[in-house]
């Protein structure tokens, strides 16, 4: 359960994101409450407000690479606003949600177009070589892959919880395929900072999760994943 202090900080960040657009305080607060409710729906264990906060924090670190920081930050707020592990159109629905809410706030069409494009790019986590805004958002979204082993274990466990409806044997196969696709990429991260300092850790963590899936340290009762409670 998010603490009051966490929520205050998150709301401050939301106000800061909207500052360039001159949104009135009441409209900003109403939109924030909608976002909080969306990110707090049942069935979320990883794609929560905590993940959103982590993405925003990483964008702050990487902001020097952006062309349109405000659009990247807005896209971050909405990138997982719709999340259903049994659906394949979460990104499209999140982009549509962003379009409607930002339109109601009076954000310009050009900004909304950029925001929705950035959100859609999170589906395959690919960005053009000159699309620096997408690169920053994608790197922030995947920053969890490069965390320490305890945090990575908690992340892997949370993902398993979101897919609790999938049988263990099917989950192991599907999850391994997802992880292998990241390892097969020439690079997981796009920005120079993440490529240099996060890439090795991310690859090590992914390889470790694959080993735990294949070795049986992935527990069928779902109480642990990769040895982390």
Protein backbone atom coordinates (compact mmCIF):
# COMPACT_ATOMS: atom_id res chain seq x y z
CA UNK A 1 0.00 0.00 0.00
CA UNK A 2 1.55 3.34 -1.04
CA UNK A 3 2.35 5.65 1.87
CA UNK A 4 0.94 9.15 2.18
CA UNK A 5 4.40 10.59 1.64
CA UNK A 6 4.82 8.51 -1.55
CA UNK A 7 1.49 9.74 -2.88
CA UNK A 8 2.33 13.35 -2.06
CA UNK A 9 5.61 13.03 -3.97
CA UNK A 10 3.84 11.38 -6.90
CA UNK A 11 1.24 14.15 -7.03
CA UNK A 12 3.98 16.77 -6.93
CA UNK A 13 5.65 15.01 -9.89
CA UNK A 14 2.33 15.02 -11.76
CA UNK A 15 1.90 18.74 -11.17
CA UNK A 16 5.48 19.30 -12.32
CA UNK A 17 4.82 17.30 -15.49
CA UNK A 18 1.75 19.43 -16.27
CA UNK A 19 3.41 22.74 -15.40
CA UNK A 20 4.43 23.65 -18.99
CA UNK A 21 0.80 23.30 -20.11
CA UNK A 22 -0.91 25.64 -17.64
CA UNK A 23 -3.49 23.11 -16.43
CA UNK A 24 -5.77 24.32 -13.64
CA UNK A 25 -5.27 22.73 -10.22
CA UNK A 26 -8.70 21.09 -10.04
CA UNK A 27 -8.31 19.46 -13.45
CA UNK A 28 -4.84 18.26 -12.58
CA UNK A 29 -6.02 16.71 -9.30
CA UNK A 30 -8.98 14.98 -10.93
CA UNK A 31 -6.75 13.49 -13.63
CA UNK A 32 -4.23 12.37 -11.01
CA UNK A 33 -6.93 10.55 -9.06
CA UNK A 34 -8.01 8.78 -12.25
CA UNK A 35 -4.44 7.65 -12.90
CA UNK A 36 -3.99 6.43 -9.33
CA UNK A 37 -7.20 4.41 -9.56
CA UNK A 38 -6.13 2.90 -12.88
CA UNK A 39 -2.69 1.87 -11.61
CA UNK A 40 -4.27 0.38 -8.46
CA UNK A 41 -6.67 -2.05 -10.14
CA UNK A 42 -6.73 -5.67 -8.90
CA UNK A 43 -4.27 -8.10 -10.47
CA UNK A 44 -1.37 -5.68 -10.60
CA UNK A 45 1.75 -6.71 -8.73
CA UNK A 46 4.50 -5.14 -10.84
CA UNK A 47 2.71 -2.68 -13.14
CA UNK A 48 1.80 -0.44 -10.23
CA UNK A 49 2.37 3.10 -9.01
CA UNK A 50 5.75 1.94 -7.72
CA UNK A 51 6.78 0.97 -11.26
CA UNK A 52 5.48 4.29 -12.57
CA UNK A 53 7.54 6.14 -9.96
CA UNK A 54 10.64 4.15 -10.93
CA UNK A 55 10.16 5.00 -14.61
CA UNK A 56 9.75 8.70 -13.82
CA UNK A 57 12.87 8.68 -11.64
CA UNK A 58 14.94 7.08 -14.40
CA UNK A 59 13.65 9.61 -16.94
CA UNK A 60 14.94 12.34 -14.63
CA UNK A 61 18.40 10.78 -14.84
CA UNK A 62 18.21 10.39 -18.63
CA UNK A 63 16.46 13.67 -19.43
CA UNK A 64 19.53 15.12 -21.11
CA UNK A 65 18.99 12.74 -24.02
CA UNK A 66 15.42 13.87 -24.71
CA UNK A 67 14.14 16.27 -27.34
CA UNK A 68 10.74 16.71 -25.69
CA UNK A 69 11.04 15.92 -22.00
CA UNK A 70 7.45 16.92 -21.18
CA UNK A 71 6.06 14.48 -23.76
CA UNK A 72 8.29 11.68 -22.47
CA UNK A 73 7.13 12.32 -18.91
CA UNK A 74 3.48 12.39 -19.95
CA UNK A 75 3.93 9.14 -21.88
CA UNK A 76 5.46 7.56 -18.78
CA UNK A 77 2.39 8.45 -16.73
CA UNK A 78 0.12 6.69 -19.21
CA UNK A 79 2.26 3.88 -20.61
CA UNK A 80 0.75 1.17 -18.35
CA UNK A 81 -2.48 2.92 -17.38
CA UNK A 82 -4.36 -0.01 -18.95
CA UNK A 83 -2.87 -3.37 -17.98
CA UNK A 84 -4.44 -6.79 -18.37
CA UNK A 85 -2.04 -9.73 -18.55
CA UNK A 86 -4.58 -11.66 -20.63
CA UNK A 87 -4.85 -8.92 -23.28
CA UNK A 88 -2.56 -8.06 -26.18
CA UNK A 89 -3.71 -4.50 -26.80
CA UNK A 90 -2.71 -2.83 -23.52
CA UNK A 91 -0.46 -0.29 -25.25
CA UNK A 92 -3.15 0.72 -27.74
CA UNK A 93 -5.74 1.05 -24.99
CA UNK A 94 -3.29 3.02 -22.82
CA UNK A 95 -2.61 5.35 -25.75
CA UNK A 96 -6.36 5.82 -26.27
CA UNK A 97 -6.79 6.55 -22.56
CA UNK A 98 -4.02 9.15 -22.74
CA UNK A 99 -5.59 10.72 -25.83
CA UNK A 100 -8.95 11.13 -24.12
CA UNK A 101 -7.68 12.40 -20.76
CA UNK A 102 -5.09 14.77 -22.20
CA UNK A 103 -7.62 16.10 -24.70
CA UNK A 104 -10.00 16.84 -21.82
CA UNK A 105 -7.19 18.71 -20.06
CA UNK A 106 -6.69 20.86 -23.15
CA UNK A 107 -3.20 19.59 -24.05
CA UNK A 108 -2.29 20.44 -27.65
CA UNK A 109 -2.90 17.87 -30.37
CA UNK A 110 0.77 17.81 -31.37
CA UNK A 111 1.86 16.87 -27.84
CA UNK A 112 -0.85 14.20 -27.57
CA UNK A 113 0.22 12.71 -30.91
CA UNK A 114 3.79 12.43 -29.64
CA UNK A 115 2.67 10.94 -26.33
CA UNK A 116 0.52 8.26 -27.95
CA UNK A 117 3.34 7.33 -30.36
CA UNK A 118 5.75 6.94 -27.45
CA UNK A 119 3.29 4.72 -25.57
CA UNK A 120 2.75 2.48 -28.59
CA UNK A 121 6.52 1.98 -28.90
CA UNK A 122 6.57 0.30 -25.49
CA UNK A 123 4.84 -2.74 -26.98
CA UNK A 124 7.93 -4.09 -28.74
CA UNK A 125 10.52 -1.94 -26.94
CA UNK A 126 12.10 -0.82 -30.20
CA UNK A 127 13.05 2.72 -31.21
CA UNK A 128 14.57 4.29 -34.32
CA UNK A 129 18.18 5.43 -34.05
CA UNK A 130 17.11 9.09 -34.06
CA UNK A 131 14.02 8.68 -31.85
CA UNK A 132 15.69 9.82 -28.65
CA UNK A 133 12.44 10.38 -26.76
CA UNK A 134 11.33 6.78 -27.30
CA UNK A 135 14.80 5.58 -26.37
CA UNK A 136 14.64 7.34 -23.01
CA UNK A 137 11.13 6.06 -22.24
CA UNK A 138 12.04 2.48 -23.20
CA UNK A 139 15.26 2.54 -21.19
CA UNK A 140 13.36 3.83 -18.16
CA UNK A 141 10.68 1.18 -18.59
CA UNK A 142 13.32 -1.59 -18.66
CA UNK A 143 15.58 -0.16 -15.96
CA UNK A 144 14.24 -2.80 -13.55
CA UNK A 145 16.19 -5.44 -15.49
CA UNK A 146 19.47 -3.96 -14.25
CA UNK A 147 18.65 -3.72 -10.54
CA UNK A 148 20.31 -5.77 -7.80
CA UNK A 149 19.48 -9.46 -7.41
CA UNK A 150 17.00 -8.98 -4.58
CA UNK A 151 15.02 -6.31 -6.45
CA UNK A 152 15.18 -8.32 -9.66
CA UNK A 153 13.87 -11.37 -7.81
CA UNK A 154 10.97 -9.33 -6.46
CA UNK A 155 10.25 -8.10 -9.98
CA UNK A 156 10.29 -11.63 -11.43
CA UNK A 157 7.99 -12.82 -8.63
CA UNK A 158 5.57 -9.94 -9.24
CA UNK A 159 5.41 -10.73 -12.95
CA UNK A 160 4.61 -14.36 -12.11
CA UNK A 161 1.80 -13.16 -9.84
CA UNK A 162 0.34 -11.12 -12.70
CA UNK A 163 0.29 -14.30 -14.77
CA UNK A 164 -1.09 -16.51 -12.00
CA UNK A 165 -3.74 -17.77 -14.45
CA UNK A 166 -1.02 -19.47 -16.54
CA UNK A 167 0.05 -23.01 -15.61
CA UNK A 168 3.65 -23.31 -14.39
CA UNK A 169 4.87 -25.34 -17.36
CA UNK A 170 3.35 -22.88 -19.83
CA UNK A 171 4.63 -19.89 -17.91
CA UNK A 172 8.19 -21.24 -17.85
CA UNK A 173 8.16 -21.71 -21.62
CA UNK A 174 6.58 -18.33 -22.35
CA UNK A 175 8.70 -16.38 -19.90
CA UNK A 176 11.89 -17.99 -21.19
CA UNK A 177 10.98 -16.97 -24.74
CA UNK A 178 10.43 -13.35 -23.66
CA UNK A 179 13.75 -13.26 -21.81
CA UNK A 180 15.67 -14.95 -24.64
CA UNK A 181 14.43 -12.29 -27.08
CA UNK A 182 16.06 -9.62 -24.94
CA UNK A 183 19.35 -11.52 -24.84
CA UNK A 184 19.28 -11.95 -28.61
CA UNK A 185 19.10 -8.20 -29.17
CA UNK A 186 22.33 -6.43 -30.00
CA UNK A 187 21.51 -4.07 -27.13
CA UNK A 188 18.77 -3.91 -24.51
CA UNK A 189 19.30 -0.21 -23.78
CA UNK A 190 19.60 2.69 -26.21
CA UNK A 191 20.99 5.64 -24.26
CA UNK A 192 24.78 5.74 -23.78
CA UNK A 193 24.45 5.91 -20.00
CA UNK A 194 22.25 2.82 -19.73
CA UNK A 195 24.19 0.96 -22.40
CA UNK A 196 27.41 1.41 -20.47
CA UNK A 197 26.29 1.01 -16.87
CA UNK A 198 23.07 -1.05 -16.98
CA UNK A 199 23.42 -3.44 -19.92
CA UNK A 200 25.83 -5.94 -18.25
CA UNK A 201 23.69 -6.19 -15.10
CA UNK A 202 20.50 -6.62 -17.10
CA UNK A 203 21.95 -9.44 -19.17
CA UNK A 204 23.26 -11.14 -16.04
CA UNK A 205 19.89 -10.89 -14.30
CA UNK A 206 18.03 -12.21 -17.33
CA UNK A 207 20.40 -15.16 -17.66
CA UNK A 208 19.95 -15.86 -13.95
CA UNK A 209 16.16 -15.89 -14.26
CA UNK A 210 16.32 -18.25 -17.22
CA UNK A 211 18.54 -20.60 -15.23
CA UNK A 212 16.13 -20.54 -12.29
CA UNK A 213 13.22 -21.31 -14.62
CA UNK A 214 15.03 -24.26 -16.17
CA UNK A 215 16.67 -25.62 -13.02
CA UNK A 216 13.54 -25.97 -10.94
CA UNK A 217 14.38 -23.25 -8.41
CA UNK A 218 11.27 -21.65 -9.85
CA UNK A 219 8.70 -22.97 -7.33
CA UNK A 220 5.41 -24.36 -8.55
CA UNK A 221 3.53 -22.94 -5.53
CA UNK A 222 4.53 -19.46 -6.73
CA UNK A 223 5.75 -18.52 -3.25
CA UNK A 224 9.20 -17.87 -4.68
CA UNK A 225 10.67 -17.13 -8.05
CA UNK A 226 14.39 -17.46 -8.49
CA UNK A 227 14.82 -18.12 -4.79
CA UNK A 228 13.33 -14.82 -3.62
CA UNK A 229 10.30 -14.89 -1.31
